[in-house]
Protein backbone atom coordinates (compact mmCIF):
# COMPACT_ATOMS: atom_id res chain seq x y z
CA MET A 1 5.05 4.01 -16.48
CA LYS A 2 3.40 2.10 -13.46
CA LYS A 3 2.73 4.18 -10.46
CA ILE A 4 3.15 2.90 -6.83
CA LEU A 5 1.98 4.68 -3.74
CA ILE A 6 3.58 3.84 -0.36
CA VAL A 7 1.63 4.66 2.44
CA ASP A 8 3.32 4.53 6.03
CA ASP A 9 3.68 7.00 8.88
CA GLN A 10 7.14 6.41 9.41
CA VAL A 11 9.49 8.10 6.60
CA GLU A 12 12.16 5.45 7.21
CA VAL A 13 9.63 2.69 6.04
CA ARG A 14 8.57 4.63 3.18
CA ASP A 15 11.98 5.42 2.00
CA LEU A 16 13.16 1.78 2.55
CA VAL A 17 10.06 0.46 0.28
CA GLY A 18 10.82 3.15 -2.19
CA VAL A 19 14.57 2.20 -2.37
CA THR A 20 13.46 -1.49 -2.67
CA LEU A 21 11.18 -0.87 -5.55
CA ARG A 22 13.27 1.72 -7.24
CA SER A 23 13.01 0.98 -11.16
CA GLU A 24 12.81 3.03 -14.23
CA ASP A 25 9.57 1.31 -14.98
CA TYR A 26 7.92 2.75 -11.65
CA GLN A 27 7.00 6.21 -10.51
CA VAL A 28 6.85 6.10 -6.66
CA PHE A 29 4.67 8.39 -4.50
CA GLN A 30 4.45 8.57 -0.76
CA ALA A 31 1.80 9.42 1.81
CA GLU A 32 1.97 9.29 5.62
CA SER A 33 -1.80 8.87 6.36
CA GLY A 34 -4.92 7.35 5.09
CA GLU A 35 -6.35 10.51 3.99
CA GLU A 36 -3.23 11.56 2.12
CA ALA A 37 -3.29 8.14 0.33
CA ILE A 38 -6.72 8.39 -1.03
CA GLU A 39 -5.97 11.96 -2.37
CA ILE A 40 -2.88 10.95 -3.92
CA ALA A 41 -4.14 7.80 -5.37
CA ARG A 42 -7.17 9.59 -7.05
CA ALA A 43 -4.92 12.28 -8.44
CA GLU A 44 -2.20 9.96 -9.66
CA LYS A 45 -4.14 6.91 -10.72
CA ALA A 46 -1.89 4.69 -8.62
CA ASP A 47 -1.56 1.21 -10.15
CA LEU A 48 -0.14 -0.27 -6.76
CA ILE A 49 -0.47 0.88 -3.36
CA ILE A 50 1.70 -0.52 -0.40
CA MET A 51 -0.39 0.34 2.66
CA ASP A 52 0.43 0.20 6.50
CA ILE A 53 -2.27 -0.34 8.86
CA MET A 54 -1.27 1.59 12.01
CA MET A 55 -1.27 5.49 11.06
CA PRO A 56 -2.09 8.68 12.85
CA GLY A 57 -5.19 10.68 12.23
CA GLY A 58 -8.76 9.78 11.82
CA MET A 59 -8.17 6.88 9.15
CA ASP A 60 -6.13 3.72 9.47
CA GLY A 61 -5.01 1.36 6.72
CA PHE A 62 -8.03 -0.68 6.94
CA GLU A 63 -10.49 2.24 6.58
CA ALA A 64 -8.25 3.83 3.83
CA THR A 65 -8.28 0.32 1.87
CA ARG A 66 -11.91 0.11 2.31
CA ALA A 67 -12.54 3.63 0.95
CA LEU A 68 -10.15 3.19 -2.07
CA LYS A 69 -11.78 -0.30 -2.97
CA ASN A 70 -15.32 1.40 -2.84
CA ASP A 71 -14.30 4.30 -4.97
CA PRO A 72 -15.03 3.76 -8.70
CA GLU A 73 -11.77 5.87 -9.54
CA THR A 74 -9.47 3.43 -7.45
CA LYS A 75 -11.41 0.20 -7.00
CA ASP A 76 -9.13 -1.52 -9.62
CA CYS A 77 -5.82 -0.57 -7.83
CA THR A 78 -3.93 -3.43 -6.19
CA ILE A 79 -3.43 -2.94 -2.46
CA ILE A 80 -0.66 -4.87 -0.63
CA MET A 81 -1.02 -4.43 3.13
CA LEU A 82 2.52 -4.16 4.68
CA THR A 83 2.35 -4.03 8.54
CA ALA A 84 3.68 -5.23 11.81
CA LYS A 85 0.30 -6.54 12.69
CA GLY A 86 0.75 -10.16 11.97
CA GLN A 87 -2.13 -11.99 13.56
CA LYS A 88 -4.64 -14.04 11.46
CA ALA A 89 -7.39 -11.72 12.55
CA ASP A 90 -5.54 -8.63 11.25
CA TRP A 91 -4.90 -10.61 7.93
CA GLU A 92 -8.58 -11.40 7.78
CA LYS A 93 -9.55 -7.81 8.40
CA GLY A 94 -7.11 -6.81 5.67
CA VAL A 95 -8.68 -9.12 3.19
CA ASP A 96 -12.34 -8.02 4.33
CA ALA A 97 -11.26 -4.39 3.68
CA GLY A 98 -10.21 -5.22 0.11
CA ALA A 99 -6.50 -5.70 0.38
CA ASP A 100 -5.05 -8.16 -2.50
CA HIS A 101 -1.95 -9.12 -0.59
CA TYR A 102 -0.63 -9.25 3.04
CA PHE A 103 3.08 -8.60 3.97
CA ILE A 104 4.28 -8.53 7.49
CA LYS A 105 7.28 -6.24 8.74
CA PRO A 106 9.88 -6.96 8.89
CA PHE A 107 9.49 -7.96 5.34
CA SER A 108 11.72 -9.58 2.60
CA PRO A 109 12.61 -7.02 0.20
CA LEU A 110 12.99 -9.82 -2.55
CA GLU A 111 9.60 -11.06 -1.82
CA LEU A 112 8.14 -7.44 -2.10
CA ILE A 113 9.88 -7.15 -5.39
CA LYS A 114 8.63 -10.38 -6.71
CA LYS A 115 5.07 -9.72 -5.80
CA THR A 116 5.27 -6.12 -7.26
CA GLU A 117 6.68 -7.44 -10.47
CA GLU A 118 3.94 -10.03 -10.49
CA VAL A 119 1.20 -7.54 -9.91
CA LEU A 120 2.22 -4.84 -12.44
CA GLY A 121 3.79 -7.21 -15.15
């Protein structure tokens, strides 16, 4: 069973993405901060991480993505940025941090499902 980690400081967004991606083929985990995301990704060996950028605490989504991609245990995990930050500079910063894909809120649930199925096979 493929594992998906949804990282967002807003529980409503985490729940919406979780419902959108609900499938018998996926096990879904949630984190509300970059630090928590790293802990869960390492412990659960997530196959896909859907990462917000703006989160409270000492680590935003860019920093968490960079840390995950630089960690031998989590470097192969696909990361999709899902954020309200839609400027080209934000997208470039996400790619530089190691994000594999970038979605802007509000997002199309169908497009997210399509990309998730593409990534997880």
